[in-house]
Protein backbone atom coordinates (compact mmCIF):
# COMPACT_ATOMS: atom_id res chain seq x y z
CA MET A 1 -3.41 -1.29 -23.13
CA GLU A 2 -1.18 1.14 -24.97
CA ALA A 3 -1.48 3.68 -22.15
CA LEU A 4 -0.45 1.05 -19.60
CA ALA A 5 2.47 -0.05 -21.78
CA LYS A 6 3.66 3.55 -22.12
CA ASP A 7 3.73 3.67 -18.30
CA CYS A 8 6.25 0.76 -18.37
CA GLU A 9 3.68 -1.94 -17.62
CA PHE A 10 3.68 -5.25 -19.44
CA VAL A 11 0.29 -5.98 -21.00
CA ASN A 12 -1.11 -9.14 -22.54
CA LEU A 13 -1.73 -7.71 -26.00
CA ARG A 14 0.63 -8.96 -28.67
CA GLY A 15 2.68 -6.22 -30.28
CA VAL A 16 2.20 -3.73 -27.43
CA HIS A 17 5.39 -3.33 -25.40
CA PRO A 18 6.60 -0.92 -22.74
CA PRO A 19 9.31 1.56 -23.75
CA LEU A 20 12.08 -0.56 -22.26
CA LYS A 21 15.15 -1.77 -24.11
CA ASP A 22 14.57 -5.20 -25.70
CA ALA A 23 11.06 -5.53 -24.23
CA ASP A 24 9.90 -6.86 -27.59
CA LYS A 25 12.29 -9.82 -27.22
CA ILE A 26 10.52 -11.17 -24.13
CA LYS A 27 8.57 -14.27 -25.06
CA PHE A 28 4.93 -14.67 -24.05
CA VAL A 29 4.18 -17.97 -22.32
CA GLU A 30 0.58 -19.10 -22.30
CA GLU A 31 -0.90 -20.40 -19.08
CA ILE A 32 -1.34 -24.16 -18.87
CA GLN A 33 -4.98 -25.13 -18.53
CA ARG A 34 -5.32 -27.74 -15.79
CA SER A 35 -8.30 -29.93 -14.94
CA GLU A 36 -9.68 -30.65 -11.49
CA SER A 37 -7.93 -34.04 -11.47
CA ASP A 38 -4.63 -32.37 -12.41
CA TYR A 39 -4.88 -30.11 -9.36
CA LYS A 40 -5.75 -33.06 -7.13
CA GLN A 41 -2.76 -35.02 -8.41
CA LEU A 42 -0.42 -32.04 -7.93
CA GLY A 43 -1.84 -31.45 -4.45
CA GLU A 44 -1.04 -35.03 -3.45
CA LYS A 45 2.43 -34.79 -4.97
CA TYR A 46 3.40 -31.59 -3.14
CA ALA A 47 1.43 -32.12 0.10
CA LYS A 48 4.44 -33.57 1.90
CA PHE A 49 6.33 -30.29 1.38
CA PHE A 50 3.59 -27.92 2.54
CA LYS A 51 1.59 -29.76 5.21
CA LYS A 52 2.76 -29.71 8.81
């Protein structure tokens, strides 16, 4: 992870940052865990925008 960070990549290991100005100030946001019913509900909600 450190080698990737040194190559200006962002990695998901706390405390390991790329050598970019203020990279350590970027906040990590954890992914929301969704259930099967959550996806079904979201699919119904947004279907009108994406279905032809």
